[in-house]
Amino acid sequence: MLTQLEQKETTAQVTPLLLQGVLEGITDGILILSEQGEVLYHNYYAHCICQQLSRGGSVVDNVPEVIWRSCQALIESRSMYVDQPVVIESEITLSESKVYRLRVRWLTLEDSNHPYLIVLLEDRCQSIQNRAFAEVLLYNLTPRQAEVWLLRRAGFSYQQIATELYITINTVKRHLKEIYTKQKIAIEPEYQVAY
């Protein structure tokens, strides 16, 4: 059994690795920047998104302009909102399937004299897909209903779903009606008794 001192030493050694693992495992992109725009940290997803935004350029050298503009807005707002937490939000659209939600806020660490900027980059399409997968499980959908639901959540019309899955529009409507019923049952359990 470890003594308290040994446990603290072990925790101090594991904490940076644990934090690194957590930050890399998050499906949103995370950037930590200095006020001068120097990239202090980026996870894998932030690196990939920034490469797309800067058309393949290096993330280590500079922050894409579209992100830096939001960072500058936060820096400039500091004098106006001294005691209020401010979050700057924006949406970046590269194409119909490449839409990113950008959030910038201050990150102040206890042992630092300088505040940092933390930038969260959410892939909206990936988020919708993840939510749809969770709903498939929550609503207990059949495999075919899951296919229909994933396409619907991705923004496909009834006609597009029918074409994609080689089924009729009426079959799409039937599947969606059954899905909405299962959704209602999952959200309102008392509905199941009436149904």
C-alpha atoms as a PDB file:
ATOM      1  CA  MET A   1       0.000   0.000   0.000  1.00  0.00           C
ATOM      2  CA  LEU A   2       1.309   3.453  -0.940  1.00  0.00           C
ATOM      3  CA  THR A   3       1.876   6.113   1.680  1.00  0.00           C
ATOM      4  CA  GLN A   4       0.285   9.539   1.160  1.00  0.00           C
ATOM      5  CA  LEU A   5       3.626  11.026   0.087  1.00  0.00           C
ATOM      6  CA  GLU A   6       4.178   8.256  -2.476  1.00  0.00           C
ATOM      7  CA  GLN A   7       0.617   8.737  -3.775  1.00  0.00           C
ATOM      8  CA  LYS A   8       1.167  12.500  -4.214  1.00  0.00           C
ATOM      9  CA  GLU A   9       4.445  11.900  -6.068  1.00  0.00           C
ATOM     10  CA  THR A  10       2.761   9.336  -8.342  1.00  0.00           C
ATOM     11  CA  THR A  11      -0.161  11.687  -8.965  1.00  0.00           C
ATOM     12  CA  ALA A  12       2.187  14.560  -9.818  1.00  0.00           C
ATOM     13  CA  GLN A  13       3.922  12.353 -12.390  1.00  0.00           C
ATOM     14  CA  VAL A  14       0.707  10.977 -13.911  1.00  0.00           C
ATOM     15  CA  THR A  15      -1.267  14.246 -14.023  1.00  0.00           C
ATOM     16  CA  PRO A  16       0.458  15.757 -17.112  1.00  0.00           C
ATOM     17  CA  LEU A  17       0.058  12.453 -18.990  1.00  0.00           C
ATOM     18  CA  LEU A  18      -3.548  12.137 -17.888  1.00  0.00           C
ATOM     19  CA  LEU A  19      -4.306  15.728 -18.914  1.00  0.00           C
ATOM     20  CA  GLN A  20      -2.589  15.192 -22.267  1.00  0.00           C
ATOM     21  CA  GLY A  21      -4.667  12.032 -22.823  1.00  0.00           C
ATOM     22  CA  VAL A  22      -7.896  13.816 -21.957  1.00  0.00           C
ATOM     23  CA  LEU A  23      -7.170  16.775 -24.248  1.00  0.00           C
ATOM     24  CA  GLU A  24      -6.211  14.502 -27.138  1.00  0.00           C
ATOM     25  CA  GLY A  25      -9.309  12.354 -26.603  1.00  0.00           C
ATOM     26  CA  ILE A  26     -11.775  15.230 -26.861  1.00  0.00           C
ATOM     27  CA  THR A  27     -13.379  15.307 -30.303  1.00  0.00           C
ATOM     28  CA  ASP A  28     -13.359  19.112 -30.412  1.00  0.00           C
ATOM     29  CA  GLY A  29     -10.256  20.968 -31.464  1.00  0.00           C
ATOM     30  CA  ILE A  30      -8.489  22.764 -28.624  1.00  0.00           C
ATOM     31  CA  LEU A  31      -5.944  25.553 -29.089  1.00  0.00           C
ATOM     32  CA  ILE A  32      -4.205  27.414 -26.279  1.00  0.00           C
ATOM     33  CA  LEU A  33      -2.674  30.666 -27.452  1.00  0.00           C
ATOM     34  CA  SER A  34      -0.706  33.542 -25.998  1.00  0.00           C
ATOM     35  CA  GLU A  35      -2.048  37.070 -26.411  1.00  0.00           C
ATOM     36  CA  GLN A  36       0.491  37.503 -29.210  1.00  0.00           C
ATOM     37  CA  GLY A  37      -0.999  34.591 -31.177  1.00  0.00           C
ATOM     38  CA  GLU A  38       1.684  32.050 -30.353  1.00  0.00           C
ATOM     39  CA  VAL A  39       0.320  28.493 -30.323  1.00  0.00           C
ATOM     40  CA  LEU A  40       1.219  26.992 -26.949  1.00  0.00           C
ATOM     41  CA  TYR A  41      -0.820  23.821 -27.352  1.00  0.00           C
ATOM     42  CA  HIS A  42      -3.061  22.192 -29.924  1.00  0.00           C
ATOM     43  CA  ASN A  43      -4.644  18.776 -29.931  1.00  0.00           C
ATOM     44  CA  TYR A  44      -4.888  16.556 -32.990  1.00  0.00           C
ATOM     45  CA  TYR A  45      -8.353  17.783 -34.013  1.00  0.00           C
ATOM     46  CA  ALA A  46      -7.377  21.452 -33.739  1.00  0.00           C
ATOM     47  CA  HIS A  47      -4.326  20.738 -35.874  1.00  0.00           C
ATOM     48  CA  CYS A  48      -6.458  19.100 -38.586  1.00  0.00           C
ATOM     49  CA  ILE A  49      -9.085  21.877 -38.551  1.00  0.00           C
ATOM     50  CA  CYS A  50      -6.456  24.635 -38.629  1.00  0.00           C
ATOM     51  CA  GLN A  51      -4.739  22.972 -41.579  1.00  0.00           C
ATOM     52  CA  GLN A  52      -8.048  23.034 -43.461  1.00  0.00           C
ATOM     53  CA  LEU A  53      -8.622  26.672 -42.529  1.00  0.00           C
ATOM     54  CA  SER A  54      -5.123  27.740 -43.581  1.00  0.00           C
ATOM     55  CA  ARG A  55      -5.270  25.599 -46.735  1.00  0.00           C
ATOM     56  CA  GLY A  56      -2.611  23.125 -45.619  1.00  0.00           C
ATOM     57  CA  GLY A  57      -0.298  25.635 -43.927  1.00  0.00           C
ATOM     58  CA  SER A  58       1.511  24.907 -40.675  1.00  0.00           C
ATOM     59  CA  VAL A  59      -0.424  25.384 -37.450  1.00  0.00           C
ATOM     60  CA  VAL A  60       2.743  25.738 -35.390  1.00  0.00           C
ATOM     61  CA  ASP A  61       3.827  28.885 -37.243  1.00  0.00           C
ATOM     62  CA  ASN A  62       0.594  30.864 -37.053  1.00  0.00           C
ATOM     63  CA  VAL A  63      -3.091  30.787 -36.262  1.00  0.00           C
ATOM     64  CA  PRO A  64      -5.486  30.896 -39.234  1.00  0.00           C
ATOM     65  CA  GLU A  65      -6.725  34.451 -39.819  1.00  0.00           C
ATOM     66  CA  VAL A  66     -10.396  33.558 -39.308  1.00  0.00           C
ATOM     67  CA  ILE A  67      -9.592  32.243 -35.803  1.00  0.00           C
ATOM     68  CA  TRP A  68      -7.239  35.097 -34.938  1.00  0.00           C
ATOM     69  CA  ARG A  69      -9.931  37.711 -35.707  1.00  0.00           C
ATOM     70  CA  SER A  70     -12.140  36.201 -32.988  1.00  0.00           C
ATOM     71  CA  CYS A  71      -9.166  36.119 -30.613  1.00  0.00           C
ATOM     72  CA  GLN A  72      -8.504  39.808 -31.289  1.00  0.00           C
ATOM     73  CA  ALA A  73     -12.167  40.602 -30.565  1.00  0.00           C
ATOM     74  CA  LEU A  74     -11.795  38.905 -27.172  1.00  0.00           C
ATOM     75  CA  ILE A  75      -8.551  40.772 -26.425  1.00  0.00           C
ATOM     76  CA  GLU A  76     -10.175  44.094 -27.360  1.00  0.00           C
ATOM     77  CA  SER A  77     -13.272  43.344 -25.233  1.00  0.00           C
ATOM     78  CA  ARG A  78     -11.184  42.899 -22.078  1.00  0.00           C
ATOM     79  CA  SER A  79     -11.136  46.618 -21.291  1.00  0.00           C
ATOM     80  CA  MET A  80     -14.912  46.950 -21.764  1.00  0.00           C
ATOM     81  CA  TYR A  81     -15.912  43.893 -19.707  1.00  0.00           C
ATOM     82  CA  VAL A  82     -13.319  43.812 -16.943  1.00  0.00           C
ATOM     83  CA  ASP A  83     -15.186  41.704 -14.390  1.00  0.00           C
ATOM     84  CA  GLN A  84     -17.362  39.662 -16.740  1.00  0.00           C
ATOM     85  CA  PRO A  85     -16.447  36.402 -18.423  1.00  0.00           C
ATOM     86  CA  VAL A  86     -16.668  36.903 -22.178  1.00  0.00           C
ATOM     87  CA  VAL A  87     -16.937  34.197 -24.815  1.00  0.00           C
ATOM     88  CA  ILE A  88     -16.626  35.098 -28.476  1.00  0.00           C
ATOM     89  CA  GLU A  89     -18.523  32.698 -30.737  1.00  0.00           C
ATOM     90  CA  SER A  90     -18.423  32.391 -34.477  1.00  0.00           C
ATOM     91  CA  GLU A  91     -19.238  29.906 -37.196  1.00  0.00           C
ATOM     92  CA  ILE A  92     -16.872  29.067 -40.037  1.00  0.00           C
ATOM     93  CA  THR A  93     -18.305  27.456 -43.169  1.00  0.00           C
ATOM     94  CA  LEU A  94     -15.896  25.973 -45.701  1.00  0.00           C
ATOM     95  CA  SER A  95     -18.500  23.818 -47.444  1.00  0.00           C
ATOM     96  CA  GLU A  96     -21.844  22.177 -46.672  1.00  0.00           C
ATOM     97  CA  SER A  97     -20.077  19.337 -44.848  1.00  0.00           C
ATOM     98  CA  LYS A  98     -17.305  21.454 -43.285  1.00  0.00           C
ATOM     99  CA  VAL A  99     -18.900  23.793 -40.757  1.00  0.00           C
ATOM    100  CA  TYR A 100     -17.070  24.671 -37.548  1.00  0.00           C
ATOM    101  CA  ARG A 101     -18.261  26.410 -34.407  1.00  0.00           C
ATOM    102  CA  LEU A 102     -15.553  28.586 -32.879  1.00  0.00           C
ATOM    103  CA  ARG A 103     -15.529  29.681 -29.222  1.00  0.00           C
ATOM    104  CA  VAL A 104     -12.763  31.792 -27.698  1.00  0.00           C
ATOM    105  CA  ARG A 105     -12.447  32.672 -24.018  1.00  0.00           C
ATOM    106  CA  TRP A 106      -9.799  33.539 -21.457  1.00  0.00           C
ATOM    107  CA  LEU A 107      -7.898  30.813 -19.640  1.00  0.00           C
ATOM    108  CA  THR A 108      -6.296  32.064 -16.437  1.00  0.00           C
ATOM    109  CA  LEU A 109      -4.085  29.641 -14.551  1.00  0.00           C
ATOM    110  CA  GLU A 110      -3.290  30.067 -10.863  1.00  0.00           C
ATOM    111  CA  ASP A 111       0.478  29.868 -11.291  1.00  0.00           C
ATOM    112  CA  SER A 112       0.671  32.195 -14.300  1.00  0.00           C
ATOM    113  CA  ASN A 113       0.912  35.969 -14.512  1.00  0.00           C
ATOM    114  CA  HIS A 114      -0.399  35.954 -18.084  1.00  0.00           C
ATOM    115  CA  PRO A 115      -3.849  34.940 -19.235  1.00  0.00           C
ATOM    116  CA  TYR A 116      -4.075  32.667 -22.236  1.00  0.00           C
ATOM    117  CA  LEU A 117      -6.696  32.314 -24.926  1.00  0.00           C
ATOM    118  CA  ILE A 118      -8.420  28.977 -25.237  1.00  0.00           C
ATOM    119  CA  VAL A 119     -10.040  28.275 -28.586  1.00  0.00           C
ATOM    120  CA  LEU A 120     -12.574  25.463 -28.947  1.00  0.00           C
ATOM    121  CA  LEU A 121     -13.300  24.262 -32.475  1.00  0.00           C
ATOM    122  CA  GLU A 122     -16.370  22.084 -32.888  1.00  0.00           C
ATOM    123  CA  ASP A 123     -16.948  20.193 -36.126  1.00  0.00           C
ATOM    124  CA  ARG A 124     -20.711  20.749 -36.419  1.00  0.00           C
ATOM    125  CA  CYS A 125     -21.246  17.872 -38.848  1.00  0.00           C
ATOM    126  CA  GLN A 126     -19.339  15.471 -36.585  1.00  0.00           C
ATOM    127  CA  SER A 127     -21.330  16.673 -33.569  1.00  0.00           C
ATOM    128  CA  ILE A 128     -24.626  16.069 -35.377  1.00  0.00           C
ATOM    129  CA  GLN A 129     -23.443  12.606 -36.413  1.00  0.00           C
ATOM    130  CA  ASN A 130     -22.355  11.763 -32.841  1.00  0.00           C
ATOM    131  CA  ARG A 131     -25.706  12.952 -31.512  1.00  0.00           C
ATOM    132  CA  ALA A 132     -27.535  10.859 -34.126  1.00  0.00           C
ATOM    133  CA  PHE A 133     -25.541   7.754 -33.112  1.00  0.00           C
ATOM    134  CA  ALA A 134     -26.457   8.357 -29.470  1.00  0.00           C
ATOM    135  CA  GLU A 135     -30.126   8.763 -30.425  1.00  0.00           C
ATOM    136  CA  VAL A 136     -30.039   5.460 -32.349  1.00  0.00           C
ATOM    137  CA  LEU A 137     -29.120   3.740 -29.085  1.00  0.00           C
ATOM    138  CA  LEU A 138     -31.441   5.833 -26.918  1.00  0.00           C
ATOM    139  CA  TYR A 139     -34.467   5.215 -29.146  1.00  0.00           C
ATOM    140  CA  ASN A 140     -33.575   1.543 -29.697  1.00  0.00           C
ATOM    141  CA  LEU A 141     -33.826   1.847 -33.491  1.00  0.00           C
ATOM    142  CA  THR A 142     -33.621  -1.074 -35.879  1.00  0.00           C
ATOM    143  CA  PRO A 143     -30.641  -1.091 -38.283  1.00  0.00           C
ATOM    144  CA  ARG A 144     -32.805   0.226 -41.136  1.00  0.00           C
ATOM    145  CA  GLN A 145     -34.359   2.924 -38.947  1.00  0.00           C
ATOM    146  CA  ALA A 146     -30.834   3.884 -37.897  1.00  0.00           C
ATOM    147  CA  GLU A 147     -29.799   4.359 -41.531  1.00  0.00           C
ATOM    148  CA  VAL A 148     -32.839   6.544 -42.184  1.00  0.00           C
ATOM    149  CA  TRP A 149     -32.294   8.544 -38.970  1.00  0.00           C
ATOM    150  CA  LEU A 150     -28.590   9.175 -39.607  1.00  0.00           C
ATOM    151  CA  LEU A 151     -29.354  10.528 -43.064  1.00  0.00           C
ATOM    152  CA  ARG A 152     -32.233  12.661 -41.767  1.00  0.00           C
ATOM    153  CA  ARG A 153     -30.040  14.143 -39.021  1.00  0.00           C
ATOM    154  CA  ALA A 154     -27.404  14.872 -41.671  1.00  0.00           C
ATOM    155  CA  GLY A 155     -29.959  17.105 -43.405  1.00  0.00           C
ATOM    156  CA  PHE A 156     -31.103  14.767 -46.185  1.00  0.00           C
ATOM    157  CA  SER A 157     -34.615  15.318 -47.565  1.00  0.00           C
ATOM    158  CA  TYR A 158     -37.129  12.460 -47.752  1.00  0.00           C
ATOM    159  CA  GLN A 159     -36.370  12.131 -51.471  1.00  0.00           C
ATOM    160  CA  GLN A 160     -32.601  12.050 -50.883  1.00  0.00           C
ATOM    161  CA  ILE A 161     -32.995   9.380 -48.191  1.00  0.00           C
ATOM    162  CA  ALA A 162     -35.182   7.283 -50.492  1.00  0.00           C
ATOM    163  CA  THR A 163     -32.651   7.571 -53.313  1.00  0.00           C
ATOM    164  CA  GLU A 164     -29.682   6.825 -51.052  1.00  0.00           C
ATOM    165  CA  LEU A 165     -31.279   3.735 -49.479  1.00  0.00           C
ATOM    166  CA  TYR A 166     -33.143   2.511 -52.610  1.00  0.00           C
ATOM    167  CA  ILE A 167     -36.539   2.707 -50.932  1.00  0.00           C
ATOM    168  CA  THR A 168     -39.733   4.645 -51.655  1.00  0.00           C
ATOM    169  CA  ILE A 169     -40.607   7.975 -50.085  1.00  0.00           C
ATOM    170  CA  ASN A 170     -43.554   6.298 -48.353  1.00  0.00           C
ATOM    171  CA  THR A 171     -41.142   3.815 -46.741  1.00  0.00           C
ATOM    172  CA  VAL A 172     -39.001   6.741 -45.548  1.00  0.00           C
ATOM    173  CA  LYS A 173     -42.128   8.380 -44.071  1.00  0.00           C
ATOM    174  CA  ARG A 174     -43.128   5.130 -42.356  1.00  0.00           C
ATOM    175  CA  HIS A 175     -39.660   4.687 -40.838  1.00  0.00           C
ATOM    176  CA  LEU A 176     -39.584   8.295 -39.634  1.00  0.00           C
ATOM    177  CA  LYS A 177     -43.057   7.989 -38.113  1.00  0.00           C
ATOM    178  CA  GLU A 178     -41.882   4.908 -36.179  1.00  0.00           C
ATOM    179  CA  ILE A 179     -38.695   6.731 -35.144  1.00  0.00           C
ATOM    180  CA  TYR A 180     -40.646   9.753 -33.874  1.00  0.00           C
ATOM    181  CA  THR A 181     -42.892   7.407 -31.882  1.00  0.00           C
ATOM    182  CA  LYS A 182     -39.836   5.725 -30.309  1.00  0.00           C
ATOM    183  CA  GLN A 183     -38.374   9.172 -29.649  1.00  0.00           C
ATOM    184  CA  LYS A 184     -41.535  10.283 -27.868  1.00  0.00           C
ATOM    185  CA  ILE A 185     -41.540   7.090 -25.784  1.00  0.00           C
ATOM    186  CA  ALA A 186     -37.884   7.641 -24.812  1.00  0.00           C
ATOM    187  CA  ILE A 187     -38.534  11.257 -23.823  1.00  0.00           C
ATOM    188  CA  GLU A 188     -41.983  10.815 -22.260  1.00  0.00           C
ATOM    189  CA  PRO A 189     -42.290   7.336 -20.694  1.00  0.00           C
ATOM    190  CA  GLU A 190     -45.983   7.937 -19.878  1.00  0.00           C
ATOM    191  CA  TYR A 191     -46.595   8.120 -23.653  1.00  0.00           C
ATOM    192  CA  GLN A 192     -45.725   4.400 -23.857  1.00  0.00           C
ATOM    193  CA  VAL A 193     -48.730   3.504 -21.687  1.00  0.00           C
ATOM    194  CA  ALA A 194     -51.116   5.421 -23.952  1.00  0.00           C
ATOM    195  CA  TYR A 195     -49.475   4.029 -27.098  1.00  0.00           C
END
